[in-house]
N, C-alpha and C. Protein backbone atom coordinates (compact mmCIF):
# COMPACT_ATOMS: atom_id res chain seq x y z
N UNK A 1 88.10 293.52 86.87
CA UNK A 1 86.91 293.27 87.70
C UNK A 1 86.09 294.55 87.80
N UNK A 2 84.82 294.47 87.44
CA UNK A 2 83.99 295.68 87.48
C UNK A 2 83.77 296.14 88.91
N UNK A 3 83.70 297.42 89.09
CA UNK A 3 83.59 297.99 90.42
C UNK A 3 82.19 297.82 90.98
N UNK A 4 82.14 297.52 92.26
CA UNK A 4 80.85 297.45 92.97
C UNK A 4 80.75 298.69 93.82
N UNK A 5 79.99 299.68 93.39
CA UNK A 5 79.75 300.84 94.22
C UNK A 5 78.67 300.45 95.21
N UNK A 6 78.97 300.54 96.48
CA UNK A 6 78.03 300.07 97.49
C UNK A 6 76.80 300.94 97.45
N UNK A 7 75.69 300.33 97.04
CA UNK A 7 74.48 301.07 96.77
C UNK A 7 73.85 301.60 98.02
N UNK A 8 74.03 300.91 99.11
CA UNK A 8 73.59 301.46 100.36
C UNK A 8 74.46 300.85 101.38
N UNK A 9 75.05 301.69 102.22
CA UNK A 9 75.94 301.17 103.21
C UNK A 9 75.13 301.00 104.48
N UNK A 10 74.46 299.88 104.59
CA UNK A 10 73.67 299.64 105.79
C UNK A 10 74.60 299.36 106.95
N UNK A 11 75.61 298.56 106.70
CA UNK A 11 76.60 298.25 107.73
C UNK A 11 77.97 298.38 107.10
N UNK A 12 78.83 299.19 107.71
CA UNK A 12 80.16 299.41 107.14
C UNK A 12 80.90 298.09 106.98
N UNK A 13 80.78 297.20 107.95
CA UNK A 13 81.48 295.92 107.88
C UNK A 13 80.96 295.03 106.78
N UNK A 14 79.78 295.32 106.24
CA UNK A 14 79.23 294.48 105.19
C UNK A 14 79.62 294.96 103.81
N UNK A 15 80.32 296.09 103.73
CA UNK A 15 80.67 296.65 102.44
C UNK A 15 81.82 295.89 101.82
N UNK A 16 81.85 295.92 100.49
CA UNK A 16 82.97 295.33 99.77
C UNK A 16 83.36 296.29 98.68
N UNK A 17 84.67 296.57 98.47
CA UNK A 17 85.06 297.60 97.52
C UNK A 17 84.91 297.21 96.07
N UNK A 18 84.81 295.92 95.79
CA UNK A 18 84.69 295.50 94.41
C UNK A 18 83.73 294.34 94.33
N UNK A 19 83.11 294.19 93.17
CA UNK A 19 82.15 293.12 93.01
C UNK A 19 82.86 291.78 93.00
N UNK A 20 82.47 290.84 93.86
CA UNK A 20 83.07 289.51 93.81
C UNK A 20 82.75 288.86 92.47
N UNK A 21 83.67 288.05 91.97
CA UNK A 21 83.38 287.32 90.75
C UNK A 21 82.26 286.33 91.04
N UNK A 22 81.34 286.15 90.09
CA UNK A 22 80.28 285.16 90.31
C UNK A 22 80.87 283.79 90.61
N UNK A 23 80.20 283.04 91.49
CA UNK A 23 80.69 281.72 91.85
C UNK A 23 80.44 280.72 90.73
N UNK A 24 79.66 281.11 89.74
CA UNK A 24 79.43 280.32 88.53
C UNK A 24 78.95 281.28 87.47
N UNK A 25 78.89 280.85 86.23
CA UNK A 25 78.43 281.73 85.17
C UNK A 25 76.95 282.03 85.35
N UNK A 26 76.60 283.31 85.57
CA UNK A 26 75.19 283.64 85.79
C UNK A 26 74.34 283.29 84.58
N UNK A 27 73.24 282.60 84.83
CA UNK A 27 72.30 282.28 83.78
C UNK A 27 70.90 282.55 84.30
N UNK A 28 70.17 283.48 83.66
CA UNK A 28 68.82 283.77 84.12
C UNK A 28 67.95 282.51 84.11
N UNK A 29 67.15 282.35 85.15
CA UNK A 29 66.25 281.21 85.19
C UNK A 29 65.02 281.51 84.34
N UNK A 30 64.55 280.49 83.61
CA UNK A 30 63.41 280.68 82.73
C UNK A 30 62.10 280.72 83.50
N UNK A 31 62.09 280.14 84.68
CA UNK A 31 60.89 280.15 85.53
C UNK A 31 61.31 280.35 86.97
N UNK A 32 60.35 280.75 87.79
CA UNK A 32 60.66 280.99 89.20
C UNK A 32 61.15 279.71 89.86
N UNK A 33 62.16 279.84 90.72
CA UNK A 33 62.65 278.70 91.48
C UNK A 33 63.16 279.19 92.82
N UNK A 34 63.29 278.27 93.77
CA UNK A 34 63.73 278.63 95.10
C UNK A 34 65.24 278.55 95.20
N UNK A 35 65.82 279.49 95.94
CA UNK A 35 67.26 279.49 96.19
C UNK A 35 67.47 279.58 97.70
N UNK A 36 68.47 278.88 98.21
CA UNK A 36 68.68 278.77 99.66
C UNK A 36 70.13 279.02 100.02
N UNK A 37 70.36 279.66 101.18
CA UNK A 37 71.70 279.75 101.73
C UNK A 37 71.61 279.78 103.25
N UNK A 38 72.69 279.38 103.91
CA UNK A 38 72.70 279.25 105.37
C UNK A 38 73.92 279.92 105.96
N UNK A 39 73.75 280.44 107.18
CA UNK A 39 74.85 281.03 107.93
C UNK A 39 74.61 280.77 109.40
N UNK A 40 75.57 280.16 110.07
CA UNK A 40 75.40 279.74 111.46
C UNK A 40 74.10 278.94 111.59
N UNK A 41 73.20 279.40 112.43
CA UNK A 41 71.95 278.66 112.64
C UNK A 41 70.79 279.24 111.85
N UNK A 42 71.09 280.05 110.84
CA UNK A 42 70.04 280.70 110.06
C UNK A 42 70.06 280.17 108.63
N UNK A 43 68.94 279.62 108.19
CA UNK A 43 68.78 279.16 106.81
C UNK A 43 67.67 279.96 106.16
N UNK A 44 67.98 280.55 105.01
CA UNK A 44 67.04 281.41 104.30
C UNK A 44 66.71 280.79 102.95
N UNK A 45 65.44 280.81 102.61
CA UNK A 45 65.00 280.32 101.31
C UNK A 45 64.01 281.32 100.74
N UNK A 46 64.27 281.76 99.51
CA UNK A 46 63.38 282.70 98.86
C UNK A 46 63.37 282.45 97.37
N UNK A 47 62.55 283.21 96.67
CA UNK A 47 62.33 282.94 95.26
C UNK A 47 63.30 283.69 94.36
N UNK A 48 63.82 282.99 93.38
CA UNK A 48 64.58 283.62 92.30
C UNK A 48 63.60 283.85 91.15
N UNK A 49 63.35 285.10 90.84
CA UNK A 49 62.35 285.43 89.83
C UNK A 49 62.80 285.04 88.42
N UNK A 50 61.87 284.75 87.54
CA UNK A 50 62.23 284.44 86.14
C UNK A 50 63.03 285.58 85.52
N UNK A 51 64.12 285.22 84.82
CA UNK A 51 64.95 286.22 84.18
C UNK A 51 66.00 286.85 85.08
N UNK A 52 66.03 286.45 86.36
CA UNK A 52 67.00 286.97 87.31
C UNK A 52 68.16 285.99 87.47
N UNK A 53 69.35 286.55 87.79
CA UNK A 53 70.53 285.73 88.06
C UNK A 53 70.81 285.67 89.55
N UNK A 54 71.32 284.54 90.01
CA UNK A 54 72.00 284.51 91.31
C UNK A 54 73.42 284.94 91.01
N UNK A 55 73.71 286.21 91.27
CA UNK A 55 74.98 286.81 90.84
C UNK A 55 76.12 286.46 91.78
N UNK A 56 75.86 286.48 93.08
CA UNK A 56 76.86 286.12 94.08
C UNK A 56 76.18 285.30 95.16
N UNK A 57 76.81 284.22 95.56
CA UNK A 57 76.29 283.41 96.66
C UNK A 57 77.47 282.99 97.52
N UNK A 58 77.55 283.53 98.73
CA UNK A 58 78.63 283.20 99.65
C UNK A 58 78.02 282.65 100.93
N UNK A 59 78.86 282.50 101.95
CA UNK A 59 78.40 281.86 103.19
C UNK A 59 77.20 282.58 103.79
N UNK A 60 77.25 283.91 103.83
CA UNK A 60 76.17 284.63 104.50
C UNK A 60 75.52 285.70 103.63
N UNK A 61 75.70 285.59 102.31
CA UNK A 61 75.19 286.65 101.42
C UNK A 61 74.68 286.06 100.11
N UNK A 62 73.59 286.64 99.64
CA UNK A 62 73.05 286.27 98.34
C UNK A 62 72.72 287.55 97.59
N UNK A 63 73.23 287.67 96.36
CA UNK A 63 72.92 288.81 95.52
C UNK A 63 72.26 288.30 94.25
N UNK A 64 71.04 288.75 94.03
CA UNK A 64 70.31 288.41 92.81
C UNK A 64 70.14 289.66 91.96
N UNK A 65 70.35 289.51 90.67
CA UNK A 65 70.31 290.66 89.77
C UNK A 65 69.38 290.39 88.61
N UNK A 66 68.82 291.48 88.11
CA UNK A 66 67.96 291.42 86.94
C UNK A 66 68.85 291.44 85.70
N UNK A 67 69.03 290.30 85.07
CA UNK A 67 69.95 290.19 83.95
C UNK A 67 71.34 289.82 84.41
N UNK A 68 72.23 289.53 83.45
CA UNK A 68 73.55 289.01 83.83
C UNK A 68 74.57 290.11 84.10
N UNK A 69 74.23 291.37 83.89
CA UNK A 69 75.16 292.47 84.17
C UNK A 69 74.37 293.68 84.63
N UNK A 70 74.10 293.78 85.95
CA UNK A 70 73.22 294.84 86.45
C UNK A 70 73.89 296.19 86.59
N UNK A 71 75.23 296.25 86.44
CA UNK A 71 75.94 297.48 86.76
C UNK A 71 76.18 298.34 85.54
N UNK A 72 75.83 299.62 85.66
CA UNK A 72 76.07 300.57 84.60
C UNK A 72 77.36 301.33 84.84
N UNK A 73 77.46 302.50 84.26
CA UNK A 73 78.66 303.33 84.42
C UNK A 73 78.51 304.24 85.63
N UNK A 74 79.63 304.67 86.16
CA UNK A 74 79.71 305.64 87.25
C UNK A 74 78.86 305.21 88.45
N UNK A 75 78.88 303.92 88.73
CA UNK A 75 78.20 303.43 89.92
C UNK A 75 76.71 303.29 89.80
N UNK A 76 76.17 303.54 88.61
CA UNK A 76 74.73 303.41 88.44
C UNK A 76 74.31 301.97 88.19
N UNK A 77 73.01 301.75 88.20
CA UNK A 77 72.46 300.44 87.93
C UNK A 77 71.73 300.45 86.59
N UNK A 78 71.71 299.26 85.94
CA UNK A 78 70.92 299.10 84.72
C UNK A 78 69.61 298.39 84.99
N UNK A 79 69.55 297.69 86.11
CA UNK A 79 68.35 296.95 86.48
C UNK A 79 68.26 296.81 87.98
N UNK A 80 67.30 296.04 88.44
CA UNK A 80 67.11 295.86 89.88
C UNK A 80 68.16 294.89 90.44
N UNK A 81 68.47 295.10 91.71
CA UNK A 81 69.46 294.28 92.41
C UNK A 81 68.94 293.99 93.81
N UNK A 82 69.04 292.74 94.25
CA UNK A 82 68.62 292.35 95.60
C UNK A 82 69.82 291.77 96.32
N UNK A 83 70.13 292.34 97.46
CA UNK A 83 71.25 291.90 98.30
C UNK A 83 70.67 291.49 99.65
N UNK A 84 70.80 290.23 100.03
CA UNK A 84 70.28 289.76 101.31
C UNK A 84 71.40 289.03 102.04
N UNK A 85 71.58 289.39 103.31
CA UNK A 85 72.67 288.78 104.06
C UNK A 85 72.31 288.70 105.53
N UNK A 86 73.16 287.96 106.27
CA UNK A 86 72.92 287.72 107.70
C UNK A 86 74.08 288.30 108.50
N UNK A 87 73.98 289.56 108.92
CA UNK A 87 75.01 290.14 109.78
C UNK A 87 74.75 289.76 111.24
N UNK A 88 75.71 290.02 112.09
CA UNK A 88 75.52 289.89 113.53
C UNK A 88 75.86 291.22 114.17
N UNK A 89 75.38 291.44 115.38
CA UNK A 89 75.70 292.70 116.06
C UNK A 89 77.19 292.82 116.30
N UNK A 90 77.87 291.69 116.54
CA UNK A 90 79.29 291.74 116.84
C UNK A 90 80.10 292.20 115.63
N UNK A 91 79.72 291.77 114.41
CA UNK A 91 80.55 292.14 113.27
C UNK A 91 80.20 293.49 112.67
N UNK A 92 79.22 294.20 113.25
CA UNK A 92 78.99 295.58 112.82
C UNK A 92 79.28 296.56 113.95
N UNK A 93 79.87 296.02 115.04
CA UNK A 93 80.32 296.85 116.15
C UNK A 93 79.21 297.71 116.75
N UNK A 94 78.06 297.09 116.93
CA UNK A 94 76.94 297.77 117.56
C UNK A 94 76.73 297.19 118.94
N UNK A 95 76.84 298.03 119.96
CA UNK A 95 76.73 297.57 121.34
C UNK A 95 75.27 297.63 121.79
N UNK A 96 74.44 296.86 121.12
CA UNK A 96 73.02 296.79 121.45
C UNK A 96 72.63 295.33 121.65
N UNK A 97 71.63 295.10 122.47
CA UNK A 97 71.09 293.78 122.70
C UNK A 97 69.78 293.66 121.93
N UNK A 98 69.68 292.67 121.04
CA UNK A 98 68.47 292.51 120.25
C UNK A 98 67.25 292.20 121.11
N UNK A 99 67.48 291.70 122.32
CA UNK A 99 66.37 291.40 123.22
C UNK A 99 65.88 292.65 123.96
N UNK A 100 66.68 293.71 123.94
CA UNK A 100 66.34 294.92 124.69
C UNK A 100 66.05 296.12 123.78
N UNK A 101 66.46 296.03 122.51
CA UNK A 101 66.28 297.15 121.60
C UNK A 101 65.64 296.65 120.31
N UNK A 102 64.83 297.49 119.72
CA UNK A 102 64.14 297.13 118.49
C UNK A 102 65.08 297.21 117.29
N UNK A 103 64.69 296.57 116.22
CA UNK A 103 65.46 296.65 114.98
C UNK A 103 65.55 298.09 114.50
N UNK A 104 64.46 298.85 114.62
CA UNK A 104 64.48 300.26 114.20
C UNK A 104 65.51 301.06 115.00
N UNK A 105 65.60 300.79 116.30
CA UNK A 105 66.59 301.49 117.14
C UNK A 105 68.01 301.15 116.70
N UNK A 106 68.24 299.88 116.38
CA UNK A 106 69.58 299.46 115.96
C UNK A 106 69.93 300.09 114.61
N UNK A 107 68.99 300.13 113.67
CA UNK A 107 69.26 300.78 112.38
C UNK A 107 69.55 302.27 112.57
N UNK A 108 68.82 302.92 113.45
CA UNK A 108 69.09 304.32 113.74
C UNK A 108 70.50 304.53 114.26
N UNK A 109 70.93 303.63 115.15
CA UNK A 109 72.28 303.74 115.70
C UNK A 109 73.32 303.55 114.62
N UNK A 110 73.13 302.55 113.76
CA UNK A 110 74.08 302.30 112.69
C UNK A 110 74.18 303.52 111.76
N UNK A 111 73.05 304.10 111.43
CA UNK A 111 73.06 305.27 110.54
C UNK A 111 73.76 306.46 111.19
N UNK A 112 73.54 306.65 112.49
CA UNK A 112 74.15 307.79 113.19
C UNK A 112 75.65 307.63 113.33
N UNK A 113 76.14 306.40 113.40
CA UNK A 113 77.56 306.17 113.66
C UNK A 113 78.34 305.81 112.41
N UNK A 114 77.71 305.90 111.24
CA UNK A 114 78.40 305.61 109.99
C UNK A 114 78.46 306.88 109.14
N UNK A 115 79.10 306.76 107.97
CA UNK A 115 79.20 307.92 107.07
C UNK A 115 78.21 307.81 105.91
N UNK A 116 77.14 307.03 106.09
CA UNK A 116 76.17 306.85 105.02
C UNK A 116 75.64 308.19 104.51
N UNK A 117 75.32 309.08 105.42
CA UNK A 117 74.68 310.33 105.03
C UNK A 117 75.63 311.27 104.30
N UNK A 118 76.93 310.93 104.25
CA UNK A 118 77.87 311.73 103.47
C UNK A 118 77.69 311.48 101.97
N UNK A 119 77.12 310.33 101.61
CA UNK A 119 77.00 309.99 100.19
C UNK A 119 75.58 309.61 99.79
N UNK A 120 74.62 309.85 100.68
CA UNK A 120 73.25 309.47 100.37
C UNK A 120 72.27 310.27 101.22
N UNK A 121 71.05 310.37 100.73
CA UNK A 121 69.96 310.93 101.51
C UNK A 121 69.16 309.76 102.06
N UNK A 122 68.85 309.80 103.37
CA UNK A 122 68.24 308.65 104.03
C UNK A 122 67.05 309.11 104.86
N UNK A 123 65.95 308.36 104.78
CA UNK A 123 64.82 308.60 105.67
C UNK A 123 64.98 307.74 106.92
N UNK A 124 64.39 308.20 108.01
CA UNK A 124 64.49 307.47 109.27
C UNK A 124 63.84 306.09 109.17
N UNK A 125 64.43 305.09 109.83
CA UNK A 125 63.83 303.75 109.85
C UNK A 125 62.43 303.75 110.46
N UNK A 126 61.56 302.94 109.89
CA UNK A 126 60.18 302.81 110.34
C UNK A 126 59.94 301.37 110.78
N UNK A 127 59.49 301.16 112.00
CA UNK A 127 59.28 299.78 112.48
C UNK A 127 58.02 299.16 111.86
N UNK A 128 58.05 297.86 111.70
CA UNK A 128 56.85 297.10 111.35
C UNK A 128 57.03 295.67 111.83
N UNK A 129 55.98 294.90 111.77
CA UNK A 129 56.03 293.51 112.22
C UNK A 129 55.86 292.60 111.02
N UNK A 130 56.77 291.63 110.90
CA UNK A 130 56.74 290.70 109.78
C UNK A 130 56.51 289.30 110.33
N UNK A 131 55.31 288.81 110.18
CA UNK A 131 54.94 287.47 110.67
C UNK A 131 55.28 287.31 112.15
N UNK A 132 54.98 288.35 112.94
CA UNK A 132 55.23 288.30 114.37
C UNK A 132 56.65 288.62 114.78
N UNK A 133 57.52 288.94 113.82
CA UNK A 133 58.92 289.25 114.12
C UNK A 133 59.17 290.76 114.01
N UNK A 134 60.06 291.25 114.86
CA UNK A 134 60.42 292.66 114.85
C UNK A 134 61.19 292.99 113.57
N UNK A 135 60.76 294.04 112.89
CA UNK A 135 61.39 294.42 111.63
C UNK A 135 61.34 295.94 111.48
N UNK A 136 62.08 296.45 110.52
CA UNK A 136 62.07 297.88 110.21
C UNK A 136 62.56 298.07 108.78
N UNK A 137 62.23 299.24 108.21
CA UNK A 137 62.70 299.54 106.86
C UNK A 137 62.99 301.03 106.76
N UNK A 138 63.79 301.38 105.76
CA UNK A 138 63.96 302.78 105.40
C UNK A 138 64.31 302.85 103.93
N UNK A 139 64.20 304.03 103.35
CA UNK A 139 64.55 304.22 101.95
C UNK A 139 65.75 305.16 101.85
N UNK A 140 66.47 305.03 100.75
CA UNK A 140 67.73 305.74 100.57
C UNK A 140 67.92 306.08 99.09
N UNK A 141 68.50 307.25 98.84
CA UNK A 141 68.91 307.63 97.49
C UNK A 141 70.36 308.04 97.54
N UNK A 142 71.23 307.41 96.73
CA UNK A 142 72.64 307.79 96.78
C UNK A 142 72.98 308.80 95.69
N UNK A 143 74.19 309.29 95.68
CA UNK A 143 74.58 310.37 94.77
C UNK A 143 74.67 309.92 93.33
N UNK A 144 74.62 308.60 93.07
CA UNK A 144 74.58 308.10 91.71
C UNK A 144 73.14 307.98 91.21
N UNK A 145 72.18 308.34 92.08
CA UNK A 145 70.78 308.28 91.70
C UNK A 145 70.10 306.95 91.97
N UNK A 146 70.86 305.97 92.47
CA UNK A 146 70.26 304.67 92.77
C UNK A 146 69.31 304.79 93.96
N UNK A 147 68.19 304.11 93.87
CA UNK A 147 67.18 304.10 94.93
C UNK A 147 67.22 302.76 95.64
N UNK A 148 67.10 302.77 96.97
CA UNK A 148 67.17 301.53 97.72
C UNK A 148 66.11 301.47 98.81
N UNK A 149 65.55 300.29 98.96
CA UNK A 149 64.71 299.95 100.11
C UNK A 149 65.52 299.01 100.97
N UNK A 150 65.72 299.37 102.23
CA UNK A 150 66.48 298.55 103.15
C UNK A 150 65.54 298.03 104.23
N UNK A 151 65.58 296.73 104.46
CA UNK A 151 64.77 296.13 105.50
C UNK A 151 65.66 295.28 106.39
N UNK A 152 65.29 295.18 107.66
CA UNK A 152 66.00 294.30 108.59
C UNK A 152 64.96 293.57 109.43
N UNK A 153 65.25 292.32 109.74
CA UNK A 153 64.30 291.44 110.41
C UNK A 153 65.03 290.59 111.44
N UNK A 154 64.56 290.63 112.68
CA UNK A 154 65.19 289.83 113.73
C UNK A 154 64.86 288.35 113.54
N UNK A 155 65.91 287.51 113.66
CA UNK A 155 65.68 286.07 113.55
C UNK A 155 66.19 285.30 114.76
N UNK A 156 67.10 285.89 115.55
CA UNK A 156 67.65 285.20 116.72
C UNK A 156 68.27 286.24 117.64
N UNK A 157 68.78 285.80 118.80
CA UNK A 157 69.35 286.73 119.78
C UNK A 157 70.49 287.56 119.20
N UNK A 158 71.31 286.95 118.34
CA UNK A 158 72.47 287.65 117.80
C UNK A 158 72.39 287.88 116.30
N UNK A 159 71.36 287.37 115.68
CA UNK A 159 71.29 287.44 114.22
C UNK A 159 70.03 288.17 113.75
N UNK A 160 70.19 288.88 112.66
CA UNK A 160 69.04 289.39 111.94
C UNK A 160 69.36 289.38 110.46
N UNK A 161 68.33 289.46 109.65
CA UNK A 161 68.49 289.43 108.20
C UNK A 161 68.39 290.85 107.67
N UNK A 162 69.30 291.21 106.80
CA UNK A 162 69.28 292.52 106.15
C UNK A 162 68.99 292.34 104.66
N UNK A 163 68.13 293.17 104.14
CA UNK A 163 67.74 293.09 102.72
C UNK A 163 67.87 294.47 102.10
N UNK A 164 68.50 294.53 100.94
CA UNK A 164 68.63 295.77 100.18
C UNK A 164 68.12 295.50 98.77
N UNK A 165 67.04 296.17 98.39
CA UNK A 165 66.55 296.09 97.02
C UNK A 165 66.79 297.45 96.38
N UNK A 166 67.58 297.47 95.31
CA UNK A 166 67.98 298.73 94.68
C UNK A 166 67.53 298.78 93.23
N UNK A 167 67.30 300.00 92.76
CA UNK A 167 66.85 300.22 91.38
C UNK A 167 67.51 301.48 90.83
N UNK A 168 67.58 301.60 89.49
CA UNK A 168 68.11 302.83 88.90
C UNK A 168 67.18 304.01 89.17
N UNK A 169 67.73 305.18 89.00
CA UNK A 169 66.96 306.41 89.17
C UNK A 169 65.69 306.36 88.31
N UNK A 170 64.57 306.72 88.93
CA UNK A 170 63.31 306.75 88.21
C UNK A 170 62.55 305.44 88.22
N UNK A 171 63.09 304.41 88.86
CA UNK A 171 62.45 303.10 88.85
C UNK A 171 62.10 302.61 90.25
N UNK A 172 61.88 303.54 91.17
CA UNK A 172 61.52 303.16 92.53
C UNK A 172 60.21 302.39 92.60
N UNK A 173 59.31 302.66 91.64
CA UNK A 173 58.02 301.95 91.65
C UNK A 173 58.20 300.47 91.40
N UNK A 174 59.27 300.09 90.72
CA UNK A 174 59.51 298.67 90.45
C UNK A 174 59.94 297.93 91.70
N UNK A 175 60.61 298.62 92.63
CA UNK A 175 60.95 298.00 93.90
C UNK A 175 59.68 297.60 94.62
N UNK A 176 58.72 298.53 94.66
CA UNK A 176 57.45 298.24 95.33
C UNK A 176 56.69 297.13 94.61
N UNK A 177 56.82 297.09 93.30
CA UNK A 177 56.10 296.10 92.50
C UNK A 177 56.58 294.67 92.77
N UNK A 178 57.93 294.49 92.84
CA UNK A 178 58.45 293.12 92.98
C UNK A 178 58.53 292.67 94.44
N UNK A 179 58.40 293.61 95.37
CA UNK A 179 58.60 293.29 96.79
C UNK A 179 57.80 292.07 97.23
N UNK A 180 56.48 292.02 97.03
CA UNK A 180 55.75 290.85 97.49
C UNK A 180 56.04 289.59 96.67
N UNK A 181 56.53 289.76 95.44
CA UNK A 181 56.83 288.60 94.60
C UNK A 181 58.07 287.86 95.07
N UNK A 182 59.11 288.63 95.41
CA UNK A 182 60.37 288.02 95.83
C UNK A 182 60.20 287.20 97.10
N UNK A 183 59.34 287.68 97.99
CA UNK A 183 59.19 287.02 99.28
C UNK A 183 57.91 286.18 99.36
N UNK A 184 57.54 285.61 98.24
CA UNK A 184 56.40 284.70 98.20
C UNK A 184 56.77 283.49 97.35
N UNK A 185 57.20 282.40 98.00
CA UNK A 185 57.31 282.21 99.45
C UNK A 185 58.66 282.69 99.99
N UNK A 186 58.77 282.72 101.33
CA UNK A 186 59.98 283.13 102.02
C UNK A 186 60.05 282.34 103.32
N UNK A 187 61.16 281.59 103.51
CA UNK A 187 61.29 280.73 104.68
C UNK A 187 62.56 281.07 105.46
N UNK A 188 62.44 281.08 106.78
CA UNK A 188 63.59 281.19 107.68
C UNK A 188 63.58 279.96 108.58
N UNK A 189 64.62 279.17 108.47
CA UNK A 189 64.73 277.92 109.24
C UNK A 189 63.48 277.06 109.07
N UNK A 190 62.98 277.03 107.84
CA UNK A 190 61.84 276.18 107.52
C UNK A 190 60.48 276.79 107.80
N UNK A 191 60.44 277.91 108.51
CA UNK A 191 59.16 278.55 108.84
C UNK A 191 58.79 279.55 107.75
N UNK A 192 57.57 279.46 107.26
CA UNK A 192 57.09 280.37 106.21
C UNK A 192 56.65 281.68 106.82
N UNK A 193 57.22 282.79 106.34
CA UNK A 193 56.85 284.10 106.87
C UNK A 193 55.73 284.76 106.06
N UNK A 194 55.64 284.42 104.80
CA UNK A 194 54.62 285.05 103.97
C UNK A 194 55.00 286.47 103.61
N UNK A 195 54.18 287.09 102.76
CA UNK A 195 54.50 288.44 102.29
C UNK A 195 53.43 289.46 102.64
N UNK A 196 52.46 289.10 103.50
CA UNK A 196 51.36 290.03 103.79
C UNK A 196 51.86 291.32 104.43
N UNK A 197 52.90 291.23 105.28
CA UNK A 197 53.44 292.44 105.91
C UNK A 197 54.05 293.37 104.87
N UNK A 198 54.61 292.81 103.80
CA UNK A 198 55.21 293.63 102.75
C UNK A 198 54.15 294.24 101.86
N UNK A 199 53.08 293.51 101.64
CA UNK A 199 51.96 294.05 100.85
C UNK A 199 51.38 295.28 101.55
N UNK A 200 51.43 295.27 102.89
CA UNK A 200 50.86 296.37 103.67
C UNK A 200 51.77 297.59 103.78
N UNK A 201 53.03 297.49 103.32
CA UNK A 201 53.92 298.66 103.36
C UNK A 201 53.38 299.74 102.42
N UNK A 202 53.79 301.00 102.64
CA UNK A 202 53.24 302.10 101.83
C UNK A 202 53.42 301.89 100.33
N UNK A 203 52.46 302.31 99.60
CA UNK A 203 52.52 302.25 98.14
C UNK A 203 51.94 303.56 97.58
N UNK A 204 52.76 304.34 96.88
CA UNK A 204 54.14 304.05 96.52
C UNK A 204 55.11 304.29 97.68
N UNK A 205 56.29 303.67 97.58
CA UNK A 205 57.36 303.98 98.51
C UNK A 205 57.91 305.38 98.18
N UNK A 206 58.28 306.12 99.20
CA UNK A 206 58.81 307.47 98.99
C UNK A 206 60.31 307.44 99.24
N UNK A 207 61.07 307.92 98.26
CA UNK A 207 62.52 307.95 98.36
C UNK A 207 62.99 309.39 98.53
N UNK A 208 64.03 309.60 99.35
CA UNK A 208 64.53 310.96 99.54
C UNK A 208 65.15 311.52 98.27
N UNK A 209 65.22 312.84 98.20
CA UNK A 209 65.77 313.52 97.01
C UNK A 209 67.20 313.92 97.31
N UNK A 210 68.07 313.70 96.33
CA UNK A 210 69.48 314.07 96.49
C UNK A 210 69.97 314.61 95.14
N UNK A 211 70.95 315.50 95.17
CA UNK A 211 71.52 316.04 93.94
C UNK A 211 72.47 315.03 93.35
N UNK A 212 72.23 314.56 92.11
CA UNK A 212 73.12 313.57 91.49
C UNK A 212 74.53 314.09 91.31
N UNK A 213 75.50 313.16 91.22
CA UNK A 213 76.89 313.53 91.02
C UNK A 213 77.06 314.35 89.75
N UNK A 214 76.33 314.00 88.69
CA UNK A 214 76.48 314.69 87.40
C UNK A 214 76.12 316.17 87.49
N UNK A 215 75.29 316.52 88.49
CA UNK A 215 74.87 317.91 88.64
C UNK A 215 75.76 318.68 89.62
N UNK A 216 76.54 317.92 90.42
CA UNK A 216 77.41 318.58 91.38
C UNK A 216 78.81 318.76 90.83
N UNK A 217 79.12 318.00 89.75
CA UNK A 217 80.44 318.08 89.19
C UNK A 217 81.45 317.25 89.92
N UNK A 218 80.97 316.39 90.89
CA UNK A 218 81.89 315.55 91.66
C UNK A 218 82.43 314.42 90.81
């Protein structure tokens, strides 16, 4: 089983040490189509881009990859990868109330209380509003050179959606390029959120600089 190096550890409880086997043989779609998954009272529907695979689909997680084998050597990526899941505050051990604290505050707490910064350079979360919902994002570069945009969006009192879009070193511009495409359309519990808030995010996205493993000898 090929190793899944966690490209960004947004939540320690959401990490997995190895890549789950695909639930079916990945086959890139020839044209855009909608893919849906549900967890508790949250149903998410978004677009699977042409040429992309639904690589993993579980109860609360969807991983879409560019091509049928997105993973390179030494934890690097060969193409773009999108990981979207529905965590809860209880399963990430965060003692915050979503009704009293913003998503940006919760992301800050998670980053401060985890070991993410031991293996990555991270910029502080920046709040924004997505179709009237509280949201935040930050960018990350890990020691394998992978670049990630992490977003979180409140959907209920105990639930929020976490999104990680990752790219190989030098391809951060592609994350910004596909961002509005992936979430057009995008539905949560049947409600269309649209992608205008994502179009308004900074362009280009700025990723932190970190010394790659190959240069440190690690």
